[in-house]
Amino acid sequence: LCRALADTEYAEISSVLENTTAFAVSHEDPVAAAKI
């Protein structure tokens, strides 16, 4: 995930990548993933 983030505008998120990580993305509703 750190490599995938490297060339994006979200590269700074790499600082929290420790322990276990699950990744959720929403392509339509910007609130859905955060709310659930």
PDB file of all heavy atoms in Angstrom:
ATOM      1  N   LEU A   1       0.836  -1.201   0.000  1.00  0.00           N
ATOM      2  CA  LEU A   1       0.000   0.000   0.000  1.00  0.00           C
ATOM      3  C   LEU A   1       0.869   1.249   0.000  1.00  0.00           C
ATOM      4  O   LEU A   1       0.535   2.255  -0.637  1.00  0.00           O
ATOM      5  CB  LEU A   1      -0.922  -0.001   1.218  1.00  0.00           C
ATOM      6  CG  LEU A   1      -1.908   1.165   1.311  1.00  0.00           C
ATOM      7  CD1 LEU A   1      -2.755   1.277   0.056  1.00  0.00           C
ATOM      8  CD2 LEU A   1      -2.803   1.002   2.534  1.00  0.00           C
ATOM      9  N   CYS A   2       1.991   1.185   0.686  1.00  0.00           N
ATOM     10  CA  CYS A   2       2.921   2.317   0.721  1.00  0.00           C
ATOM     11  C   CYS A   2       3.441   2.617  -0.686  1.00  0.00           C
ATOM     12  O   CYS A   2       3.533   3.787  -1.084  1.00  0.00           O
ATOM     13  CB  CYS A   2       4.073   2.008   1.666  1.00  0.00           C
ATOM     14  SG  CYS A   2       5.233   3.374   1.893  1.00  0.00           S
ATOM     15  N   ARG A   3       3.756   1.575  -1.441  1.00  0.00           N
ATOM     16  CA  ARG A   3       4.219   1.765  -2.822  1.00  0.00           C
ATOM     17  C   ARG A   3       3.114   2.352  -3.687  1.00  0.00           C
ATOM     18  O   ARG A   3       3.365   3.208  -4.543  1.00  0.00           O
ATOM     19  CB  ARG A   3       4.674   0.425  -3.400  1.00  0.00           C
ATOM     20  CG  ARG A   3       5.933  -0.148  -2.753  1.00  0.00           C
ATOM     21  CD  ARG A   3       6.263  -1.500  -3.331  1.00  0.00           C
ATOM     22  NE  ARG A   3       7.345  -2.156  -2.608  1.00  0.00           N
ATOM     23  CZ  ARG A   3       7.757  -3.393  -2.836  1.00  0.00           C
ATOM     24  NH1 ARG A   3       7.166  -4.102  -3.807  1.00  0.00           N
ATOM     25  NH2 ARG A   3       8.722  -3.931  -2.143  1.00  0.00           N
ATOM     26  N   ALA A   4       1.876   1.875  -3.469  1.00  0.00           N
ATOM     27  CA  ALA A   4       0.751   2.375  -4.254  1.00  0.00           C
ATOM     28  C   ALA A   4       0.469   3.842  -3.946  1.00  0.00           C
ATOM     29  O   ALA A   4       0.065   4.608  -4.826  1.00  0.00           O
ATOM     30  CB  ALA A   4      -0.491   1.531  -3.965  1.00  0.00           C
ATOM     31  N   LEU A   5       0.705   4.251  -2.711  1.00  0.00           N
ATOM     32  CA  LEU A   5       0.456   5.630  -2.294  1.00  0.00           C
ATOM     33  C   LEU A   5       1.541   6.589  -2.768  1.00  0.00           C
ATOM     34  O   LEU A   5       1.303   7.791  -2.890  1.00  0.00           O
ATOM     35  CB  LEU A   5       0.360   5.712  -0.763  1.00  0.00           C
ATOM     36  CG  LEU A   5      -0.897   5.142  -0.110  1.00  0.00           C
ATOM     37  CD1 LEU A   5      -0.662   4.945   1.378  1.00  0.00           C
ATOM     38  CD2 LEU A   5      -2.087   6.061  -0.345  1.00  0.00           C
ATOM     39  N   ALA A   6       2.710   6.051  -3.031  1.00  0.00           N
ATOM     40  CA  ALA A   6       3.901   6.875  -3.284  1.00  0.00           C
ATOM     41  C   ALA A   6       3.706   7.930  -4.359  1.00  0.00           C
ATOM     42  O   ALA A   6       4.140   9.077  -4.210  1.00  0.00           O
ATOM     43  CB  ALA A   6       5.079   5.979  -3.638  1.00  0.00           C
ATOM     44  N   ASP A   7       3.048   7.584  -5.446  1.00  0.00           N
ATOM     45  CA  ASP A   7       2.911   8.509  -6.579  1.00  0.00           C
ATOM     46  C   ASP A   7       1.526   9.153  -6.650  1.00  0.00           C
ATOM     47  O   ASP A   7       1.084   9.584  -7.711  1.00  0.00           O
ATOM     48  CB  ASP A   7       3.202   7.770  -7.886  1.00  0.00           C
ATOM     49  CG  ASP A   7       4.636   7.265  -7.962  1.00  0.00           C
ATOM     50  OD1 ASP A   7       5.516   7.958  -7.423  1.00  0.00           O
ATOM     51  OD2 ASP A   7       4.846   6.188  -8.541  1.00  0.00           O
ATOM     52  N   THR A   8       0.838   9.212  -5.511  1.00  0.00           N
ATOM     53  CA  THR A   8      -0.491   9.811  -5.485  1.00  0.00           C
ATOM     54  C   THR A   8      -0.502  11.028  -4.571  1.00  0.00           C
ATOM     55  O   THR A   8       0.476  11.304  -3.862  1.00  0.00           O
ATOM     56  CB  THR A   8      -1.543   8.811  -4.973  1.00  0.00           C
ATOM     57  OG1 THR A   8      -1.347   8.599  -3.561  1.00  0.00           O
ATOM     58  CG2 THR A   8      -1.429   7.484  -5.701  1.00  0.00           C
ATOM     59  N   GLU A   9      -1.620  11.737  -4.569  1.00  0.00           N
ATOM     60  CA  GLU A   9      -1.779  12.905  -3.693  1.00  0.00           C
ATOM     61  C   GLU A   9      -2.014  12.507  -2.247  1.00  0.00           C
ATOM     62  O   GLU A   9      -2.114  13.370  -1.362  1.00  0.00           O
ATOM     63  CB  GLU A   9      -2.952  13.753  -4.191  1.00  0.00           C
ATOM     64  CG  GLU A   9      -4.249  12.978  -4.326  1.00  0.00           C
ATOM     65  CD  GLU A   9      -5.257  13.716  -5.172  1.00  0.00           C
ATOM     66  OE1 GLU A   9      -5.202  14.957  -5.212  1.00  0.00           O
ATOM     67  OE2 GLU A   9      -6.105  13.055  -5.806  1.00  0.00           O
ATOM     68  N   TYR A  10      -2.100  11.196  -2.001  1.00  0.00           N
ATOM     69  CA  TYR A  10      -2.348  10.709  -0.644  1.00  0.00           C
ATOM     70  C   TYR A  10      -1.101  10.092  -0.007  1.00  0.00           C
ATOM     71  O   TYR A  10      -1.189   9.323   0.949  1.00  0.00           O
ATOM     72  CB  TYR A  10      -3.461   9.664  -0.659  1.00  0.00           C
ATOM     73  CG  TYR A  10      -4.707  10.107  -1.375  1.00  0.00           C
ATOM     74  CD1 TYR A  10      -5.204   9.376  -2.459  1.00  0.00           C
ATOM     75  CD2 TYR A  10      -5.388  11.254  -0.989  1.00  0.00           C
ATOM     76  CE1 TYR A  10      -6.362   9.781  -3.123  1.00  0.00           C
ATOM     77  CE2 TYR A  10      -6.540  11.660  -1.653  1.00  0.00           C
ATOM     78  CZ  TYR A  10      -7.014  10.921  -2.710  1.00  0.00           C
ATOM     79  OH  TYR A  10      -8.153  11.323  -3.367  1.00  0.00           O
ATOM     80  N   ALA A  11       0.069  10.427  -0.506  1.00  0.00           N
ATOM     81  CA  ALA A  11       1.322   9.803  -0.062  1.00  0.00           C
ATOM     82  C   ALA A  11       1.551   9.938   1.438  1.00  0.00           C
ATOM     83  O   ALA A  11       2.136   9.043   2.066  1.00  0.00           O
ATOM     84  CB  ALA A  11       2.493  10.407  -0.825  1.00  0.00           C
ATOM     85  N   GLU A  12       1.093  11.024   2.045  1.00  0.00           N
ATOM     86  CA  GLU A  12       1.340  11.237   3.476  1.00  0.00           C
ATOM     87  C   GLU A  12       0.622  10.219   4.360  1.00  0.00           C
ATOM     88  O   GLU A  12       0.948  10.067   5.539  1.00  0.00           O
ATOM     89  CB  GLU A  12       0.927  12.641   3.895  1.00  0.00           C
ATOM     90  CG  GLU A  12      -0.543  12.968   3.700  1.00  0.00           C
ATOM     91  CD  GLU A  12      -0.858  14.417   4.040  1.00  0.00           C
ATOM     92  OE1 GLU A  12      -0.992  14.725   5.236  1.00  0.00           O
ATOM     93  OE2 GLU A  12      -0.963  15.227   3.105  1.00  0.00           O
ATOM     94  N   ILE A  13      -0.367   9.516   3.805  1.00  0.00           N
ATOM     95  CA  ILE A  13      -1.068   8.490   4.577  1.00  0.00           C
ATOM     96  C   ILE A  13      -0.119   7.363   4.977  1.00  0.00           C
ATOM     97  O   ILE A  13      -0.358   6.640   5.942  1.00  0.00           O
ATOM     98  CB  ILE A  13      -2.256   7.922   3.770  1.00  0.00           C
ATOM     99  CG1 ILE A  13      -3.317   9.009   3.559  1.00  0.00           C
ATOM    100  CG2 ILE A  13      -2.891   6.726   4.470  1.00  0.00           C
ATOM    101  CD1 ILE A  13      -4.516   8.555   2.751  1.00  0.00           C
ATOM    102  N   SER A  14       0.989   7.223   4.266  1.00  0.00           N
ATOM    103  CA  SER A  14       1.959   6.158   4.546  1.00  0.00           C
ATOM    104  C   SER A  14       2.462   6.195   5.984  1.00  0.00           C
ATOM    105  O   SER A  14       2.909   5.179   6.523  1.00  0.00           O
ATOM    106  CB  SER A  14       3.149   6.263   3.587  1.00  0.00           C
ATOM    107  OG  SER A  14       2.740   6.102   2.249  1.00  0.00           O
ATOM    108  N   SER A  15       2.374   7.346   6.626  1.00  0.00           N
ATOM    109  CA  SER A  15       2.879   7.493   7.994  1.00  0.00           C
ATOM    110  C   SER A  15       2.092   6.665   9.008  1.00  0.00           C
ATOM    111  O   SER A  15       2.579   6.401  10.112  1.00  0.00           O
ATOM    112  CB  SER A  15       2.859   8.963   8.417  1.00  0.00           C
ATOM    113  OG  SER A  15       1.534   9.477   8.398  1.00  0.00           O
ATOM    114  N   VAL A  16       0.869   6.234   8.655  1.00  0.00           N
ATOM    115  CA  VAL A  16       0.059   5.457   9.598  1.00  0.00           C
ATOM    116  C   VAL A  16       0.095   3.962   9.279  1.00  0.00           C
ATOM    117  O   VAL A  16      -0.606   3.174   9.924  1.00  0.00           O
ATOM    118  CB  VAL A  16      -1.411   5.943   9.605  1.00  0.00           C
ATOM    119  CG1 VAL A  16      -1.486   7.410   9.957  1.00  0.00           C
ATOM    120  CG2 VAL A  16      -2.095   5.668   8.267  1.00  0.00           C
ATOM    121  N   LEU A  17       0.901   3.572   8.309  1.00  0.00           N
ATOM    122  CA  LEU A  17       0.938   2.172   7.897  1.00  0.00           C
ATOM    123  C   LEU A  17       1.813   1.332   8.814  1.00  0.00           C
ATOM    124  O   LEU A  17       3.009   1.142   8.589  1.00  0.00           O
ATOM    125  CB  LEU A  17       1.425   2.068   6.445  1.00  0.00           C
ATOM    126  CG  LEU A  17       0.520   2.704   5.396  1.00  0.00           C
ATOM    127  CD1 LEU A  17       1.103   2.528   4.012  1.00  0.00           C
ATOM    128  CD2 LEU A  17      -0.884   2.125   5.465  1.00  0.00           C
ATOM    129  N   GLU A  18       1.198   0.847   9.863  1.00  0.00           N
ATOM    130  CA  GLU A  18       1.858  -0.066  10.796  1.00  0.00           C
ATOM    131  C   GLU A  18       0.817  -1.025  11.363  1.00  0.00           C
ATOM    132  O   GLU A  18      -0.386  -0.782  11.245  1.00  0.00           O
ATOM    133  CB  GLU A  18       2.535   0.712  11.927  1.00  0.00           C
ATOM    134  CG  GLU A  18       1.599   1.599  12.715  1.00  0.00           C
ATOM    135  CD  GLU A  18       2.331   2.399  13.767  1.00  0.00           C
ATOM    136  OE1 GLU A  18       3.570   2.374  13.764  1.00  0.00           O
ATOM    137  OE2 GLU A  18       1.653   3.024  14.603  1.00  0.00           O
ATOM    138  N   ASN A  19       1.284  -2.118  11.945  1.00  0.00           N
ATOM    139  CA  ASN A  19       0.389  -3.168  12.434  1.00  0.00           C
ATOM    140  C   ASN A  19      -0.465  -3.691  11.273  1.00  0.00           C
ATOM    141  O   ASN A  19      -0.039  -3.648  10.131  1.00  0.00           O
ATOM    142  CB  ASN A  19      -0.482  -2.637  13.576  1.00  0.00           C
ATOM    143  CG  ASN A  19       0.339  -2.143  14.748  1.00  0.00           C
ATOM    144  OD1 ASN A  19       1.301  -2.786  15.143  1.00  0.00           O
ATOM    145  ND2 ASN A  19      -0.026  -0.994  15.304  1.00  0.00           N
ATOM    146  N   THR A  20      -1.658  -4.178  11.562  1.00  0.00           N
ATOM    147  CA  THR A  20      -2.515  -4.690  10.488  1.00  0.00           C
ATOM    148  C   THR A  20      -3.265  -3.548   9.823  1.00  0.00           C
ATOM    149  O   THR A  20      -3.585  -2.553  10.459  1.00  0.00           O
ATOM    150  CB  THR A  20      -3.541  -5.685  11.058  1.00  0.00           C
ATOM    151  OG1 THR A  20      -4.329  -5.023  12.059  1.00  0.00           O
ATOM    152  CG2 THR A  20      -2.852  -6.890  11.666  1.00  0.00           C
ATOM    153  N   THR A  21      -3.542  -3.709   8.535  1.00  0.00           N
ATOM    154  CA  THR A  21      -4.239  -2.658   7.791  1.00  0.00           C
ATOM    155  C   THR A  21      -5.264  -3.256   6.840  1.00  0.00           C
ATOM    156  O   THR A  21      -4.969  -4.174   6.080  1.00  0.00           O
ATOM    157  CB  THR A  21      -3.248  -1.810   6.972  1.00  0.00           C
ATOM    158  OG1 THR A  21      -2.275  -1.233   7.842  1.00  0.00           O
ATOM    159  CG2 THR A  21      -3.988  -0.689   6.237  1.00  0.00           C
ATOM    160  N   ALA A  22      -6.479  -2.700   6.907  1.00  0.00           N
ATOM    161  CA  ALA A  22      -7.520  -3.014   5.931  1.00  0.00           C
ATOM    162  C   ALA A  22      -7.883  -1.710   5.242  1.00  0.00           C
ATOM    163  O   ALA A  22      -7.844  -0.641   5.849  1.00  0.00           O
ATOM    164  CB  ALA A  22      -8.736  -3.630   6.608  1.00  0.00           C
ATOM    165  N   PHE A  23      -8.210  -1.812   3.972  1.00  0.00           N
ATOM    166  CA  PHE A  23      -8.416  -0.622   3.153  1.00  0.00           C
ATOM    167  C   PHE A  23      -9.795  -0.681   2.500  1.00  0.00           C
ATOM    168  O   PHE A  23     -10.136  -1.662   1.839  1.00  0.00           O
ATOM    169  CB  PHE A  23      -7.319  -0.574   2.096  1.00  0.00           C
ATOM    170  CG  PHE A  23      -7.301   0.681   1.275  1.00  0.00           C
ATOM    171  CD1 PHE A  23      -7.630   1.908   1.808  1.00  0.00           C
ATOM    172  CD2 PHE A  23      -6.944   0.623  -0.070  1.00  0.00           C
ATOM    173  CE1 PHE A  23      -7.612   3.061   1.039  1.00  0.00           C
ATOM    174  CE2 PHE A  23      -6.918   1.765  -0.849  1.00  0.00           C
ATOM    175  CZ  PHE A  23      -7.255   2.988  -0.295  1.00  0.00           C
ATOM    176  N   ALA A  24     -10.591   0.360   2.699  1.00  0.00           N
ATOM    177  CA  ALA A  24     -11.933   0.431   2.108  1.00  0.00           C
ATOM    178  C   ALA A  24     -12.011   1.638   1.187  1.00  0.00           C
ATOM    179  O   ALA A  24     -11.608   2.738   1.574  1.00  0.00           O
ATOM    180  CB  ALA A  24     -12.996   0.539   3.195  1.00  0.00           C
ATOM    181  N   VAL A  25     -12.519   1.436  -0.024  1.00  0.00           N
ATOM    182  CA  VAL A  25     -12.670   2.552  -0.958  1.00  0.00           C
ATOM    183  C   VAL A  25     -14.092   2.567  -1.506  1.00  0.00           C
ATOM    184  O   VAL A  25     -14.696   1.524  -1.744  1.00  0.00           O
ATOM    185  CB  VAL A  25     -11.666   2.467  -2.128  1.00  0.00           C
ATOM    186  CG1 VAL A  25     -10.258   2.675  -1.643  1.00  0.00           C
ATOM    187  CG2 VAL A  25     -11.788   1.141  -2.858  1.00  0.00           C
ATOM    188  N   SER A  26     -14.608   3.763  -1.684  1.00  0.00           N
ATOM    189  CA  SER A  26     -15.944   3.950  -2.252  1.00  0.00           C
ATOM    190  C   SER A  26     -15.817   4.737  -3.546  1.00  0.00           C
ATOM    191  O   SER A  26     -15.119   5.750  -3.588  1.00  0.00           O
ATOM    192  CB  SER A  26     -16.848   4.696  -1.269  1.00  0.00           C
ATOM    193  OG  SER A  26     -18.118   4.924  -1.842  1.00  0.00           O
ATOM    194  N   HIS A  27     -16.492   4.283  -4.589  1.00  0.00           N
ATOM    195  CA  HIS A  27     -16.404   4.936  -5.897  1.00  0.00           C
ATOM    196  C   HIS A  27     -17.616   5.809  -6.199  1.00  0.00           C
ATOM    197  O   HIS A  27     -17.645   6.473  -7.237  1.00  0.00           O
ATOM    198  CB  HIS A  27     -16.239   3.880  -6.985  1.00  0.00           C
ATOM    199  CG  HIS A  27     -14.988   3.076  -6.849  1.00  0.00           C
ATOM    200  ND1 HIS A  27     -13.749   3.538  -7.222  1.00  0.00           N
ATOM    201  CD2 HIS A  27     -14.781   1.833  -6.337  1.00  0.00           C
ATOM    202  CE1 HIS A  27     -12.829   2.618  -6.970  1.00  0.00           C
ATOM    203  NE2 HIS A  27     -13.433   1.582  -6.436  1.00  0.00           N
ATOM    204  N   GLU A  28     -18.618   5.803  -5.309  1.00  0.00           N
ATOM    205  CA  GLU A  28     -19.824   6.587  -5.566  1.00  0.00           C
ATOM    206  C   GLU A  28     -20.189   7.490  -4.397  1.00  0.00           C
ATOM    207  O   GLU A  28     -20.278   8.699  -4.542  1.00  0.00           O
ATOM    208  CB  GLU A  28     -20.995   5.652  -5.893  1.00  0.00           C
ATOM    209  CG  GLU A  28     -20.798   4.861  -7.174  1.00  0.00           C
ATOM    210  CD  GLU A  28     -21.991   3.988  -7.492  1.00  0.00           C
ATOM    211  OE1 GLU A  28     -22.973   4.021  -6.721  1.00  0.00           O
ATOM    212  OE2 GLU A  28     -21.945   3.265  -8.502  1.00  0.00           O
ATOM    213  N   ASP A  29     -20.422   6.892  -3.230  1.00  0.00           N
ATOM    214  CA  ASP A  29     -20.844   7.652  -2.051  1.00  0.00           C
ATOM    215  C   ASP A  29     -19.620   7.986  -1.198  1.00  0.00           C
ATOM    216  O   ASP A  29     -18.998   7.096  -0.628  1.00  0.00           O
ATOM    217  CB  ASP A  29     -21.838   6.826  -1.236  1.00  0.00           C
ATOM    218  CG  ASP A  29     -22.491   7.627  -0.117  1.00  0.00           C
ATOM    219  OD1 ASP A  29     -21.942   8.686   0.246  1.00  0.00           O
ATOM    220  OD2 ASP A  29     -23.541   7.205   0.386  1.00  0.00           O
ATOM    221  N   PRO A  30     -19.240   9.256  -1.067  1.00  0.00           N
ATOM    222  CA  PRO A  30     -18.041   9.626  -0.304  1.00  0.00           C
ATOM    223  C   PRO A  30     -18.160   9.406   1.194  1.00  0.00           C
ATOM    224  O   PRO A  30     -17.148   9.403   1.897  1.00  0.00           O
ATOM    225  CB  PRO A  30     -17.878  11.119  -0.622  1.00  0.00           C
ATOM    226  CG  PRO A  30     -19.234  11.581  -0.994  1.00  0.00           C
ATOM    227  CD  PRO A  30     -19.885  10.432  -1.699  1.00  0.00           C
ATOM    228  N   VAL A  31     -19.374   9.194   1.683  1.00  0.00           N
ATOM    229  CA  VAL A  31     -19.590   9.060   3.127  1.00  0.00           C
ATOM    230  C   VAL A  31     -19.747   7.599   3.561  1.00  0.00           C
ATOM    231  O   VAL A  31     -19.509   7.264   4.713  1.00  0.00           O
ATOM    232  CB  VAL A  31     -20.831   9.874   3.557  1.00  0.00           C
ATOM    233  CG1 VAL A  31     -21.079   9.762   5.047  1.00  0.00           C
ATOM    234  CG2 VAL A  31     -20.678  11.336   3.169  1.00  0.00           C
ATOM    235  N   ALA A  32     -20.129   6.730   2.650  1.00  0.00           N
ATOM    236  CA  ALA A  32     -20.507   5.354   2.983  1.00  0.00           C
ATOM    237  C   ALA A  32     -19.450   4.598   3.779  1.00  0.00           C
ATOM    238  O   ALA A  32     -19.742   4.046   4.848  1.00  0.00           O
ATOM    239  CB  ALA A  32     -20.844   4.585   1.701  1.00  0.00           C
ATOM    240  N   ALA A  33     -18.227   4.552   3.297  1.00  0.00           N
ATOM    241  CA  ALA A  33     -17.167   3.789   3.973  1.00  0.00           C
ATOM    242  C   ALA A  33     -16.893   4.334   5.362  1.00  0.00           C
ATOM    243  O   ALA A  33     -16.786   3.581   6.342  1.00  0.00           O
ATOM    244  CB  ALA A  33     -15.891   3.826   3.134  1.00  0.00           C
ATOM    245  N   ALA A  34     -16.787   5.657   5.484  1.00  0.00           N
ATOM    246  CA  ALA A  34     -16.504   6.280   6.780  1.00  0.00           C
ATOM    247  C   ALA A  34     -17.623   6.009   7.779  1.00  0.00           C
ATOM    248  O   ALA A  34     -17.369   5.691   8.951  1.00  0.00           O
ATOM    249  CB  ALA A  34     -16.316   7.787   6.603  1.00  0.00           C
ATOM    250  N   LYS A  35     -18.861   6.115   7.335  1.00  0.00           N
ATOM    251  CA  LYS A  35     -20.010   5.935   8.225  1.00  0.00           C
ATOM    252  C   LYS A  35     -20.072   4.508   8.774  1.00  0.00           C
ATOM    253  O   LYS A  35     -20.258   4.290   9.978  1.00  0.00           O
ATOM    254  CB  LYS A  35     -21.292   6.291   7.487  1.00  0.00           C
ATOM    255  CG  LYS A  35     -22.535   6.333   8.368  1.00  0.00           C
ATOM    256  CD  LYS A  35     -23.738   6.824   7.588  1.00  0.00           C
ATOM    257  CE  LYS A  35     -23.644   8.304   7.301  1.00  0.00           C
ATOM    258  NZ  LYS A  35     -23.736   9.144   8.527  1.00  0.00           N
ATOM    259  N   ILE A  36     -19.920   3.526   7.890  1.00  0.00           N
ATOM    260  CA  ILE A  36     -20.004   2.118   8.303  1.00  0.00           C
ATOM    261  C   ILE A  36     -18.832   1.731   9.207  1.00  0.00           C
ATOM    262  O   ILE A  36     -19.009   1.109  10.263  1.00  0.00           O
ATOM    263  CB  ILE A  36     -20.056   1.200   7.071  1.00  0.00           C
ATOM    264  CG1 ILE A  36     -21.345   1.441   6.286  1.00  0.00           C
ATOM    265  CG2 ILE A  36     -19.955  -0.265   7.481  1.00  0.00           C
ATOM    266  CD1 ILE A  36     -21.402   0.725   4.959  1.00  0.00           C
TER     267      ILE A  36
END
